[in-house]
PDB file of N, CA and C in Angstrom:
ATOM      1  N   UNK A   1     135.048  80.511 -24.822  1.00  0.00           N
ATOM      2  CA  UNK A   1     133.594  79.414 -25.078  1.00  0.00           C
ATOM      3  C   UNK A   1     132.746  80.214 -26.207  1.00  0.00           C
ATOM      4  N   UNK A   2     132.436  79.972 -26.739  1.00  0.00           N
ATOM      5  CA  UNK A   2     130.839  79.938 -27.855  1.00  0.00           C
ATOM      6  C   UNK A   2     130.184  79.329 -27.230  1.00  0.00           C
ATOM      7  N   UNK A   3     130.610  78.359 -26.181  1.00  0.00           N
ATOM      8  CA  UNK A   3     129.124  77.618 -25.828  1.00  0.00           C
ATOM      9  C   UNK A   3     128.298  78.871 -24.911  1.00  0.00           C
ATOM     10  N   UNK A   4     128.892  79.479 -24.360  1.00  0.00           N
ATOM     11  CA  UNK A   4     128.017  80.497 -24.180  1.00  0.00           C
ATOM     12  C   UNK A   4     126.824  81.502 -24.455  1.00  0.00           C
ATOM     13  N   UNK A   5     127.634  81.536 -25.604  1.00  0.00           N
ATOM     14  CA  UNK A   5     126.745  82.407 -26.682  1.00  0.00           C
ATOM     15  C   UNK A   5     125.745  81.612 -27.149  1.00  0.00           C
ATOM     16  N   UNK A   6     125.630  80.042 -27.553  1.00  0.00           N
ATOM     17  CA  UNK A   6     124.877  79.393 -27.732  1.00  0.00           C
ATOM     18  C   UNK A   6     124.010  78.946 -27.032  1.00  0.00           C
ATOM     19  N   UNK A   7     124.236  79.297 -25.438  1.00  0.00           N
ATOM     20  CA  UNK A   7     123.105  78.682 -24.694  1.00  0.00           C
ATOM     21  C   UNK A   7     122.654  79.986 -24.611  1.00  0.00           C
ATOM     22  N   UNK A   8     122.773  81.371 -24.440  1.00  0.00           N
ATOM     23  CA  UNK A   8     122.140  82.704 -24.698  1.00  0.00           C
ATOM     24  C   UNK A   8     120.999  82.430 -25.839  1.00  0.00           C
ATOM     25  N   UNK A   9     121.623  82.070 -26.931  1.00  0.00           N
ATOM     26  CA  UNK A   9     120.645  81.695 -28.289  1.00  0.00           C
ATOM     27  C   UNK A   9     119.594  81.075 -28.101  1.00  0.00           C
ATOM     28  N   UNK A  10     119.409  79.773 -27.501  1.00  0.00           N
ATOM     29  CA  UNK A  10     119.227  78.577 -27.125  1.00  0.00           C
ATOM     30  C   UNK A  10     117.951  79.392 -25.954  1.00  0.00           C
ATOM     31  N   UNK A  11     118.657  79.872 -24.692  1.00  0.00           N
ATOM     32  CA  UNK A  11     117.677  80.450 -24.004  1.00  0.00           C
ATOM     33  C   UNK A  11     116.810  81.786 -24.541  1.00  0.00           C
ATOM     34  N   UNK A  12     116.852  82.513 -25.236  1.00  0.00           N
ATOM     35  CA  UNK A  12     115.963  83.410 -25.798  1.00  0.00           C
ATOM     36  C   UNK A  12     115.038  82.448 -27.196  1.00  0.00           C
ATOM     37  N   UNK A  13     115.769  81.929 -28.049  1.00  0.00           N
ATOM     38  CA  UNK A  13     114.702  81.479 -28.604  1.00  0.00           C
ATOM     39  C   UNK A  13     113.698  80.648 -27.602  1.00  0.00           C
ATOM     40  N   UNK A  14     114.035  79.907 -26.341  1.00  0.00           N
ATOM     41  CA  UNK A  14     113.214  79.449 -25.028  1.00  0.00           C
ATOM     42  C   UNK A  14     111.662  80.563 -25.276  1.00  0.00           C
ATOM     43  N   UNK A  15     112.550  81.809 -24.361  1.00  0.00           N
ATOM     44  CA  UNK A  15     111.926  82.521 -23.989  1.00  0.00           C
ATOM     45  C   UNK A  15     110.852  83.276 -25.326  1.00  0.00           C
ATOM     46  N   UNK A  16     111.162  83.654 -26.633  1.00  0.00           N
ATOM     47  CA  UNK A  16     110.444  83.938 -27.191  1.00  0.00           C
ATOM     48  C   UNK A  16     109.318  82.838 -27.829  1.00  0.00           C
ATOM     49  N   UNK A  17     109.232  81.784 -27.175  1.00  0.00           N
ATOM     50  CA  UNK A  17     108.280  80.891 -27.843  1.00  0.00           C
ATOM     51  C   UNK A  17     107.807  80.851 -26.350  1.00  0.00           C
ATOM     52  N   UNK A  18     107.947  81.049 -25.221  1.00  0.00           N
ATOM     53  CA  UNK A  18     107.141  81.398 -23.979  1.00  0.00           C
ATOM     54  C   UNK A  18     106.310  82.085 -24.080  1.00  0.00           C
ATOM     55  N   UNK A  19     107.179  83.256 -24.555  1.00  0.00           N
ATOM     56  CA  UNK A  19     105.617  85.182 -25.386  1.00  0.00           C
ATOM     57  C   UNK A  19     104.893  84.409 -25.696  1.00  0.00           C
ATOM     58  N   UNK A  20     105.368  83.464 -26.784  1.00  0.00           N
ATOM     59  CA  UNK A  20     103.949  83.387 -28.115  1.00  0.00           C
ATOM     60  C   UNK A  20     103.197  82.417 -27.212  1.00  0.00           C
ATOM     61  N   UNK A  21     103.268  81.570 -26.640  1.00  0.00           N
ATOM     62  CA  UNK A  21     102.135  80.787 -25.751  1.00  0.00           C
ATOM     63  C   UNK A  21     101.420  80.998 -24.126  1.00  0.00           C
ATOM     64  N   UNK A  22     102.334  82.757 -23.928  1.00  0.00           N
ATOM     65  CA  UNK A  22     101.620  82.653 -22.929  1.00  0.00           C
ATOM     66  C   UNK A  22     102.473  82.117 -21.060  1.00  0.00           C
ATOM     67  N   UNK A  23     103.170  81.684 -21.388  1.00  0.00           N
ATOM     68  CA  UNK A  23     103.977  80.669 -20.583  1.00  0.00           C
ATOM     69  C   UNK A  23     104.907  81.813 -19.717  1.00  0.00           C
ATOM     70  N   UNK A  24     105.145  81.598 -18.649  1.00  0.00           N
ATOM     71  CA  UNK A  24     106.201  82.349 -17.264  1.00  0.00           C
ATOM     72  C   UNK A  24     107.655  81.650 -16.888  1.00  0.00           C
ATOM     73  N   UNK A  25     107.308  80.078 -16.987  1.00  0.00           N
ATOM     74  CA  UNK A  25     108.801  79.519 -16.465  1.00  0.00           C
ATOM     75  C   UNK A  25     108.820  78.063 -17.440  1.00  0.00           C
ATOM     76  N   UNK A  26     110.349  78.424 -17.527  1.00  0.00           N
ATOM     77  CA  UNK A  26     110.929  77.520 -18.464  1.00  0.00           C
ATOM     78  C   UNK A  26     111.164  75.951 -17.689  1.00  0.00           C
ATOM     79  N   UNK A  27     111.165  74.576 -18.309  1.00  0.00           N
ATOM     80  CA  UNK A  27     110.737  73.407 -17.267  1.00  0.00           C
ATOM     81  C   UNK A  27     112.218  72.669 -18.246  1.00  0.00           C
ATOM     82  N   UNK A  28     112.090  72.431 -19.477  1.00  0.00           N
ATOM     83  CA  UNK A  28     113.364  72.234 -20.135  1.00  0.00           C
ATOM     84  C   UNK A  28     113.142  72.233 -22.013  1.00  0.00           C
ATOM     85  N   UNK A  29     114.369  72.564 -22.087  1.00  0.00           N
ATOM     86  CA  UNK A  29     114.660  72.448 -23.301  1.00  0.00           C
ATOM     87  C   UNK A  29     115.317  71.675 -24.571  1.00  0.00           C
ATOM     88  N   UNK A  30     115.130  70.898 -25.214  1.00  0.00           N
ATOM     89  CA  UNK A  30     115.327  69.957 -25.683  1.00  0.00           C
ATOM     90  C   UNK A  30     116.152  70.279 -26.652  1.00  0.00           C
ATOM     91  N   UNK A  31     117.386  69.753 -27.451  1.00  0.00           N
ATOM     92  CA  UNK A  31     118.773  70.144 -27.726  1.00  0.00           C
ATOM     93  C   UNK A  31     118.869  68.886 -28.675  1.00  0.00           C
ATOM     94  N   UNK A  32     118.999  68.666 -30.253  1.00  0.00           N
ATOM     95  CA  UNK A  32     120.064  67.542 -30.615  1.00  0.00           C
ATOM     96  C   UNK A  32     121.413  68.241 -31.096  1.00  0.00           C
ATOM     97  N   UNK A  33     122.206  67.659 -31.073  1.00  0.00           N
ATOM     98  CA  UNK A  33     123.815  68.141 -31.104  1.00  0.00           C
ATOM     99  C   UNK A  33     124.479  67.137 -31.979  1.00  0.00           C
ATOM    100  N   UNK A  34     125.396  67.657 -32.751  1.00  0.00           N
ATOM    101  CA  UNK A  34     125.805  66.736 -33.952  1.00  0.00           C
ATOM    102  C   UNK A  34     127.399  66.991 -33.573  1.00  0.00           C
ATOM    103  N   UNK A  35     127.853  65.670 -34.223  1.00  0.00           N
ATOM    104  CA  UNK A  35     128.896  65.371 -33.346  1.00  0.00           C
ATOM    105  C   UNK A  35     130.101  66.092 -34.170  1.00  0.00           C
ATOM    106  N   UNK A  36     130.085  66.902 -35.789  1.00  0.00           N
ATOM    107  CA  UNK A  36     130.828  67.954 -35.781  1.00  0.00           C
ATOM    108  C   UNK A  36     130.103  69.661 -35.589  1.00  0.00           C
ATOM    109  N   UNK A  37     129.004  69.739 -34.795  1.00  0.00           N
ATOM    110  CA  UNK A  37     128.552  70.626 -34.431  1.00  0.00           C
ATOM    111  C   UNK A  37     129.244  71.899 -34.363  1.00  0.00           C
ATOM    112  N   UNK A  38     130.475  71.353 -33.756  1.00  0.00           N
ATOM    113  CA  UNK A  38     131.269  72.385 -32.788  1.00  0.00           C
ATOM    114  C   UNK A  38     130.914  72.903 -31.858  1.00  0.00           C
ATOM    115  N   UNK A  39     130.338  71.938 -30.998  1.00  0.00           N
ATOM    116  CA  UNK A  39     129.782  72.432 -29.832  1.00  0.00           C
ATOM    117  C   UNK A  39     130.359  71.236 -28.898  1.00  0.00           C
ATOM    118  N   UNK A  40     130.838  71.432 -27.414  1.00  0.00           N
ATOM    119  CA  UNK A  40     131.284  70.657 -26.536  1.00  0.00           C
ATOM    120  C   UNK A  40     129.602  70.205 -25.563  1.00  0.00           C
ATOM    121  N   UNK A  41     128.976  69.381 -25.801  1.00  0.00           N
ATOM    122  CA  UNK A  41     128.031  69.263 -24.916  1.00  0.00           C
ATOM    123  C   UNK A  41     127.581  69.419 -23.413  1.00  0.00           C
ATOM    124  N   UNK A  42     129.183  68.956 -22.592  1.00  0.00           N
ATOM    125  CA  UNK A  42     129.028  69.453 -21.448  1.00  0.00           C
ATOM    126  C   UNK A  42     129.097  70.808 -21.369  1.00  0.00           C
ATOM    127  N   UNK A  43     130.093  71.181 -22.024  1.00  0.00           N
ATOM    128  CA  UNK A  43     130.100  72.587 -21.742  1.00  0.00           C
ATOM    129  C   UNK A  43     128.828  73.547 -22.209  1.00  0.00           C
ATOM    130  N   UNK A  44     128.601  73.672 -22.963  1.00  0.00           N
ATOM    131  CA  UNK A  44     126.833  74.124 -23.055  1.00  0.00           C
ATOM    132  C   UNK A  44     125.651  73.442 -22.156  1.00  0.00           C
ATOM    133  N   UNK A  45     125.535  72.214 -21.649  1.00  0.00           N
ATOM    134  CA  UNK A  45     125.260  72.539 -20.248  1.00  0.00           C
ATOM    135  C   UNK A  45     125.711  73.185 -18.947  1.00  0.00           C
ATOM    136  N   UNK A  46     127.327  73.069 -19.034  1.00  0.00           N
ATOM    137  CA  UNK A  46     127.267  74.203 -18.402  1.00  0.00           C
ATOM    138  C   UNK A  46     126.643  75.648 -18.322  1.00  0.00           C
ATOM    139  N   UNK A  47     126.856  75.849 -19.591  1.00  0.00           N
ATOM    140  CA  UNK A  47     126.643  77.558 -19.763  1.00  0.00           C
ATOM    141  C   UNK A  47     125.696  77.925 -19.696  1.00  0.00           C
ATOM    142  N   UNK A  48     124.328  76.661 -19.973  1.00  0.00           N
ATOM    143  CA  UNK A  48     123.040  76.666 -20.160  1.00  0.00           C
ATOM    144  C   UNK A  48     122.922  77.040 -18.661  1.00  0.00           C
ATOM    145  N   UNK A  49     122.926  75.785 -17.683  1.00  0.00           N
ATOM    146  CA  UNK A  49     122.989  76.036 -16.042  1.00  0.00           C
ATOM    147  C   UNK A  49     123.464  77.521 -15.989  1.00  0.00           C
ATOM    148  N   UNK A  50     124.456  78.017 -15.861  1.00  0.00           N
ATOM    149  CA  UNK A  50     125.178  78.729 -15.293  1.00  0.00           C
ATOM    150  C   UNK A  50     124.160  80.293 -15.852  1.00  0.00           C
ATOM    151  N   UNK A  51     123.825  80.391 -17.106  1.00  0.00           N
ATOM    152  CA  UNK A  51     122.644  81.446 -17.496  1.00  0.00           C
ATOM    153  C   UNK A  51     121.407  81.103 -16.702  1.00  0.00           C
ATOM    154  N   UNK A  52     121.063  80.377 -16.544  1.00  0.00           N
ATOM    155  CA  UNK A  52     119.832  80.498 -15.429  1.00  0.00           C
ATOM    156  C   UNK A  52     119.517  80.446 -14.227  1.00  0.00           C
ATOM    157  N   UNK A  53     120.655  80.509 -13.451  1.00  0.00           N
ATOM    158  CA  UNK A  53     121.130  80.776 -12.438  1.00  0.00           C
ATOM    159  C   UNK A  53     120.587  82.088 -11.567  1.00  0.00           C
ATOM    160  N   UNK A  54     119.839  82.095 -10.284  1.00  0.00           N
ATOM    161  CA  UNK A  54     119.366  82.660  -9.931  1.00  0.00           C
ATOM    162  C   UNK A  54     118.393  83.861 -11.117  1.00  0.00           C
ATOM    163  N   UNK A  55     117.895  82.919 -11.588  1.00  0.00           N
ATOM    164  CA  UNK A  55     116.070  83.271 -12.290  1.00  0.00           C
ATOM    165  C   UNK A  55     115.341  82.408 -12.494  1.00  0.00           C
ATOM    166  N   UNK A  56     113.989  82.862 -12.481  1.00  0.00           N
ATOM    167  CA  UNK A  56     112.684  81.904 -11.834  1.00  0.00           C
ATOM    168  C   UNK A  56     112.854  81.464 -12.785  1.00  0.00           C
ATOM    169  N   UNK A  57     113.938  80.684 -14.212  1.00  0.00           N
ATOM    170  CA  UNK A  57     113.861  79.193 -14.660  1.00  0.00           C
ATOM    171  C   UNK A  57     115.328  78.946 -13.918  1.00  0.00           C
ATOM    172  N   UNK A  58     116.136  78.792 -12.713  1.00  0.00           N
ATOM    173  CA  UNK A  58     116.339  78.144 -12.774  1.00  0.00           C
ATOM    174  C   UNK A  58     116.486  76.419 -12.733  1.00  0.00           C
ATOM    175  N   UNK A  59     115.811  76.285 -12.275  1.00  0.00           N
ATOM    176  CA  UNK A  59     115.486  74.175 -12.220  1.00  0.00           C
ATOM    177  C   UNK A  59     115.127  73.653 -13.594  1.00  0.00           C
ATOM    178  N   UNK A  60     115.139  74.957 -14.827  1.00  0.00           N
ATOM    179  CA  UNK A  60     114.753  74.261 -16.300  1.00  0.00           C
ATOM    180  C   UNK A  60     116.060  73.353 -16.483  1.00  0.00           C
ATOM    181  N   UNK A  61     116.116  72.352 -17.153  1.00  0.00           N
ATOM    182  CA  UNK A  61     117.238  71.468 -17.520  1.00  0.00           C
ATOM    183  C   UNK A  61     117.057  71.516 -18.914  1.00  0.00           C
ATOM    184  N   UNK A  62     118.201  71.523 -19.338  1.00  0.00           N
ATOM    185  CA  UNK A  62     118.397  70.939 -20.691  1.00  0.00           C
ATOM    186  C   UNK A  62     118.760  69.845 -21.578  1.00  0.00           C
ATOM    187  N   UNK A  63     118.058  68.960 -22.134  1.00  0.00           N
ATOM    188  CA  UNK A  63     118.271  67.769 -22.748  1.00  0.00           C
ATOM    189  C   UNK A  63     118.874  67.732 -24.098  1.00  0.00           C
ATOM    190  N   UNK A  64     120.166  67.107 -23.779  1.00  0.00           N
ATOM    191  CA  UNK A  64     120.573  67.278 -24.755  1.00  0.00           C
ATOM    192  C   UNK A  64     120.585  65.651 -25.330  1.00  0.00           C
ATOM    193  N   UNK A  65     120.314  65.429 -27.156  1.00  0.00           N
ATOM    194  CA  UNK A  65     120.861  64.184 -27.688  1.00  0.00           C
ATOM    195  C   UNK A  65     121.891  64.528 -28.376  1.00  0.00           C
ATOM    196  N   UNK A  66     122.732  63.636 -28.877  1.00  0.00           N
ATOM    197  CA  UNK A  66     123.958  63.571 -29.294  1.00  0.00           C
ATOM    198  C   UNK A  66     123.736  62.791 -30.371  1.00  0.00           C
ATOM    199  N   UNK A  67     123.971  63.425 -31.355  1.00  0.00           N
ATOM    200  CA  UNK A  67     124.031  62.720 -33.106  1.00  0.00           C
ATOM    201  C   UNK A  67     125.337  62.268 -33.600  1.00  0.00           C
ATOM    202  N   UNK A  68     125.585  61.069 -34.110  1.00  0.00           N
ATOM    203  CA  UNK A  68     126.889  60.838 -34.804  1.00  0.00           C
ATOM    204  C   UNK A  68     126.792  61.232 -35.864  1.00  0.00           C
ATOM    205  N   UNK A  69     127.885  60.908 -36.109  1.00  0.00           N
ATOM    206  CA  UNK A  69     128.270  61.356 -37.508  1.00  0.00           C
ATOM    207  C   UNK A  69     127.588  60.174 -38.179  1.00  0.00           C
ATOM    208  N   UNK A  70     127.442  60.273 -39.541  1.00  0.00           N
ATOM    209  CA  UNK A  70     126.856  59.657 -40.629  1.00  0.00           C
ATOM    210  C   UNK A  70     127.457  59.984 -42.006  1.00  0.00           C
ATOM    211  N   UNK A  71     128.477  59.526 -42.958  1.00  0.00           N
ATOM    212  CA  UNK A  71     128.309  59.589 -43.874  1.00  0.00           C
ATOM    213  C   UNK A  71     127.854  58.508 -45.288  1.00  0.00           C
ATOM    214  N   UNK A  72     128.477  59.343 -46.479  1.00  0.00           N
ATOM    215  CA  UNK A  72     127.800  58.368 -47.258  1.00  0.00           C
ATOM    216  C   UNK A  72     128.943  58.284 -48.156  1.00  0.00           C
ATOM    217  N   UNK A  73     129.481  57.172 -48.873  1.00  0.00           N
ATOM    218  CA  UNK A  73     130.140  57.229 -49.494  1.00  0.00           C
ATOM    219  C   UNK A  73     130.498  57.872 -50.982  1.00  0.00           C
ATOM    220  N   UNK A  74     130.979  58.148 -51.718  1.00  0.00           N
ATOM    221  CA  UNK A  74     130.449  59.108 -52.692  1.00  0.00           C
ATOM    222  C   UNK A  74     131.249  58.128 -53.735  1.00  0.00           C
ATOM    223  N   UNK A  75     131.934  56.621 -53.782  1.00  0.00           N
ATOM    224  CA  UNK A  75     131.805  55.879 -54.844  1.00  0.00           C
ATOM    225  C   UNK A  75     131.175  54.601 -54.833  1.00  0.00           C
ATOM    226  N   UNK A  76     130.765  54.294 -53.663  1.00  0.00           N
ATOM    227  CA  UNK A  76     129.666  53.009 -53.777  1.00  0.00           C
ATOM    228  C   UNK A  76     128.552  53.490 -52.975  1.00  0.00           C
ATOM    229  N   UNK A  77     128.463  54.717 -52.572  1.00  0.00           N
ATOM    230  CA  UNK A  77     126.901  54.936 -52.099  1.00  0.00           C
ATOM    231  C   UNK A  77     126.392  54.776 -50.533  1.00  0.00           C
ATOM    232  N   UNK A  78     127.546  53.933 -49.817  1.00  0.00           N
ATOM    233  CA  UNK A  78     127.194  52.969 -48.502  1.00  0.00           C
ATOM    234  C   UNK A  78     127.421  54.330 -47.368  1.00  0.00           C
ATOM    235  N   UNK A  79     126.286  53.980 -46.294  1.00  0.00           N
ATOM    236  CA  UNK A  79     126.378  54.978 -45.651  1.00  0.00           C
ATOM    237  C   UNK A  79     127.002  54.489 -44.079  1.00  0.00           C
ATOM    238  N   UNK A  80     127.904  54.744 -44.102  1.00  0.00           N
ATOM    239  CA  UNK A  80     128.725  54.108 -42.412  1.00  0.00           C
ATOM    240  C   UNK A  80     129.111  56.336 -41.393  1.00  0.00           C
ATOM    241  N   UNK A  81     129.682  55.079 -40.122  1.00  0.00           N
ATOM    242  CA  UNK A  81     129.674  56.468 -39.471  1.00  0.00           C
ATOM    243  C   UNK A  81     130.493  55.948 -38.470  1.00  0.00           C
ATOM    244  N   UNK A  82     130.710  56.683 -37.459  1.00  0.00           N
ATOM    245  CA  UNK A  82     131.181  56.658 -36.096  1.00  0.00           C
ATOM    246  C   UNK A  82     131.064  57.742 -35.340  1.00  0.00           C
ATOM    247  N   UNK A  83     132.000  57.738 -33.707  1.00  0.00           N
ATOM    248  CA  UNK A  83     131.877  58.649 -32.658  1.00  0.00           C
ATOM    249  C   UNK A  83     132.779  59.803 -33.332  1.00  0.00           C
ATOM    250  N   UNK A  84     132.731  60.830 -33.200  1.00  0.00           N
ATOM    251  CA  UNK A  84     133.373  62.325 -33.610  1.00  0.00           C
ATOM    252  C   UNK A  84     134.087  62.418 -34.876  1.00  0.00           C
ATOM    253  N   UNK A  85     134.872  63.391 -34.586  1.00  0.00           N
ATOM    254  CA  UNK A  85     135.521  64.245 -35.776  1.00  0.00           C
ATOM    255  C   UNK A  85     136.680  62.692 -36.162  1.00  0.00           C
ATOM    256  N   UNK A  86     137.209  61.555 -35.644  1.00  0.00           N
ATOM    257  CA  UNK A  86     137.650  60.949 -36.256  1.00  0.00           C
ATOM    258  C   UNK A  86     136.983  59.659 -37.207  1.00  0.00           C
ATOM    259  N   UNK A  87     135.704  59.892 -37.544  1.00  0.00           N
ATOM    260  CA  UNK A  87     134.877  58.810 -38.301  1.00  0.00           C
ATOM    261  C   UNK A  87     135.481  59.481 -39.793  1.00  0.00           C
ATOM    262  N   UNK A  88     135.521  60.923 -39.593  1.00  0.00           N
ATOM    263  CA  UNK A  88     135.658  61.230 -41.272  1.00  0.00           C
ATOM    264  C   UNK A  88     136.509  61.296 -42.114  1.00  0.00           C
ATOM    265  N   UNK A  89     137.785  60.207 -40.778  1.00  0.00           N
ATOM    266  CA  UNK A  89     139.043  59.409 -42.017  1.00  0.00           C
ATOM    267  C   UNK A  89     138.926  58.192 -42.338  1.00  0.00           C
ATOM    268  N   UNK A  90     137.975  57.584 -41.381  1.00  0.00           N
ATOM    269  CA  UNK A  90     137.657  56.033 -42.014  1.00  0.00           C
ATOM    270  C   UNK A  90     137.245  55.741 -43.529  1.00  0.00           C
ATOM    271  N   UNK A  91     138.488  54.835 -43.779  1.00  0.00           N
ATOM    272  CA  UNK A  91     137.879  54.166 -44.754  1.00  0.00           C
ATOM    273  C   UNK A  91     136.451  53.505 -45.046  1.00  0.00           C
ATOM    274  N   UNK A  92     135.927  53.812 -46.331  1.00  0.00           N
ATOM    275  CA  UNK A  92     134.507  52.988 -46.740  1.00  0.00           C
ATOM    276  C   UNK A  92     134.954  51.405 -46.396  1.00  0.00           C
ATOM    277  N   UNK A  93     133.684  50.925 -45.253  1.00  0.00           N
ATOM    278  CA  UNK A  93     133.460  49.765 -45.138  1.00  0.00           C
ATOM    279  C   UNK A  93     133.415  48.891 -46.455  1.00  0.00           C
ATOM    280  N   UNK A  94     132.695  49.064 -47.361  1.00  0.00           N
ATOM    281  CA  UNK A  94     132.173  48.252 -48.250  1.00  0.00           C
ATOM    282  C   UNK A  94     133.524  48.082 -49.417  1.00  0.00           C
ATOM    283  N   UNK A  95     133.505  49.246 -49.944  1.00  0.00           N
ATOM    284  CA  UNK A  95     134.499  49.576 -51.086  1.00  0.00           C
ATOM    285  C   UNK A  95     136.504  50.247 -50.791  1.00  0.00           C
ATOM    286  N   UNK A  96     136.220  50.521 -49.911  1.00  0.00           N
ATOM    287  CA  UNK A  96     137.891  50.793 -48.905  1.00  0.00           C
ATOM    288  C   UNK A  96     138.132  52.484 -49.521  1.00  0.00           C
ATOM    289  N   UNK A  97     137.245  53.286 -49.845  1.00  0.00           N
ATOM    290  CA  UNK A  97     137.954  54.227 -50.593  1.00  0.00           C
ATOM    291  C   UNK A  97     137.859  55.179 -49.147  1.00  0.00           C
ATOM    292  N   UNK A  98     138.591  56.028 -49.167  1.00  0.00           N
ATOM    293  CA  UNK A  98     139.497  57.159 -47.760  1.00  0.00           C
ATOM    294  C   UNK A  98     139.279  58.638 -48.221  1.00  0.00           C
ATOM    295  N   UNK A  99     138.718  59.054 -49.041  1.00  0.00           N
ATOM    296  CA  UNK A  99     138.409  60.648 -49.277  1.00  0.00           C
ATOM    297  C   UNK A  99     136.996  60.764 -50.047  1.00  0.00           C
ATOM    298  N   UNK A 100     136.705  62.169 -49.982  1.00  0.00           N
ATOM    299  CA  UNK A 100     135.246  62.403 -50.547  1.00  0.00           C
ATOM    300  C   UNK A 100     133.795  62.116 -49.740  1.00  0.00           C
ATOM    301  N   UNK A 101     133.646  61.697 -48.845  1.00  0.00           N
ATOM    302  CA  UNK A 101     132.782  61.180 -48.059  1.00  0.00           C
ATOM    303  C   UNK A 101     131.568  62.405 -47.578  1.00  0.00           C
ATOM    304  N   UNK A 102     130.708  61.975 -48.393  1.00  0.00           N
ATOM    305  CA  UNK A 102     129.102  63.090 -48.158  1.00  0.00           C
ATOM    306  C   UNK A 102     128.969  63.438 -46.478  1.00  0.00           C
ATOM    307  N   UNK A 103     129.153  64.006 -45.458  1.00  0.00           N
ATOM    308  CA  UNK A 103     128.566  64.329 -44.544  1.00  0.00           C
ATOM    309  C   UNK A 103     126.534  64.205 -44.589  1.00  0.00           C
ATOM    310  N   UNK A 104     126.171  63.009 -43.943  1.00  0.00           N
ATOM    311  CA  UNK A 104     124.624  62.961 -43.760  1.00  0.00           C
ATOM    312  C   UNK A 104     124.012  63.292 -42.676  1.00  0.00           C
ATOM    313  N   UNK A 105     124.715  63.286 -41.332  1.00  0.00           N
ATOM    314  CA  UNK A 105     124.310  63.690 -40.306  1.00  0.00           C
ATOM    315  C   UNK A 105     125.392  64.040 -39.445  1.00  0.00           C
ATOM    316  N   UNK A 106     125.175  64.849 -38.415  1.00  0.00           N
ATOM    317  CA  UNK A 106     126.180  65.221 -37.163  1.00  0.00           C
ATOM    318  C   UNK A 106     126.738  66.389 -37.460  1.00  0.00           C
ATOM    319  N   UNK A 107     126.049  67.117 -38.275  1.00  0.00           N
ATOM    320  CA  UNK A 107     125.838  68.993 -38.508  1.00  0.00           C
ATOM    321  C   UNK A 107     125.104  69.493 -37.165  1.00  0.00           C
ATOM    322  N   UNK A 108     124.354  69.065 -37.216  1.00  0.00           N
ATOM    323  CA  UNK A 108     123.037  69.943 -36.233  1.00  0.00           C
ATOM    324  C   UNK A 108     123.361  70.025 -34.911  1.00  0.00           C
ATOM    325  N   UNK A 109     122.509  71.463 -34.612  1.00  0.00           N
ATOM    326  CA  UNK A 109     122.345  71.728 -33.838  1.00  0.00           C
ATOM    327  C   UNK A 109     120.971  72.753 -33.719  1.00  0.00           C
ATOM    328  N   UNK A 110     119.819  71.414 -32.769  1.00  0.00           N
ATOM    329  CA  UNK A 110     118.751  72.241 -33.117  1.00  0.00           C
ATOM    330  C   UNK A 110     118.107  72.203 -31.758  1.00  0.00           C
ATOM    331  N   UNK A 111     117.010  73.324 -32.126  1.00  0.00           N
ATOM    332  CA  UNK A 111     116.207  73.503 -30.694  1.00  0.00           C
ATOM    333  C   UNK A 111     115.112  72.332 -31.157  1.00  0.00           C
ATOM    334  N   UNK A 112     115.051  71.317 -30.503  1.00  0.00           N
ATOM    335  CA  UNK A 112     113.720  70.665 -30.753  1.00  0.00           C
ATOM    336  C   UNK A 112     112.309  70.849 -30.179  1.00  0.00           C
ATOM    337  N   UNK A 113     112.567  71.221 -28.782  1.00  0.00           N
ATOM    338  CA  UNK A 113     111.089  71.281 -27.871  1.00  0.00           C
ATOM    339  C   UNK A 113     111.459  72.326 -26.910  1.00  0.00           C
ATOM    340  N   UNK A 114     111.122  72.764 -26.802  1.00  0.00           N
ATOM    341  CA  UNK A 114     110.432  73.867 -25.604  1.00  0.00           C
ATOM    342  C   UNK A 114     109.316  73.442 -24.160  1.00  0.00           C
ATOM    343  N   UNK A 115     109.900  73.327 -23.511  1.00  0.00           N
ATOM    344  CA  UNK A 115     108.000  72.747 -22.443  1.00  0.00           C
ATOM    345  C   UNK A 115     108.460  73.903 -21.359  1.00  0.00           C
ATOM    346  N   UNK A 116     107.365  74.708 -21.056  1.00  0.00           N
ATOM    347  CA  UNK A 116     106.864  75.614 -20.050  1.00  0.00           C
ATOM    348  C   UNK A 116     105.899  75.738 -19.910  1.00  0.00           C
ATOM    349  N   UNK A 117     105.019  76.361 -18.779  1.00  0.00           N
ATOM    350  CA  UNK A 117     104.148  76.373 -17.892  1.00  0.00           C
ATOM    351  C   UNK A 117     103.783  78.018 -17.895  1.00  0.00           C
TER     352      UNK A 117
END
């Protein structure tokens, strides 16, 4: 389960930010997770909670924003998308092109905000 190593990295980044700002208690971490990021959101949430259990940060929350897949057709330029990886195989709704679509959104795994005091 690679979500544990991702949770550890997120927590390490949050700790670094807390040190820079003189904070001692983590309250919330906001993360954007794309449909193609390779991360299972509920597993990441479970790993984050497990990692912080029995620490001073046990009450900290992981707020996940899920980012759907958006594609751009290389034939006509139309942007379209859907939920999950299945959208990769959708034909363009304008011209019907099946292959070669460019991923515009959905690969993200971003630490957006750390809230601590």
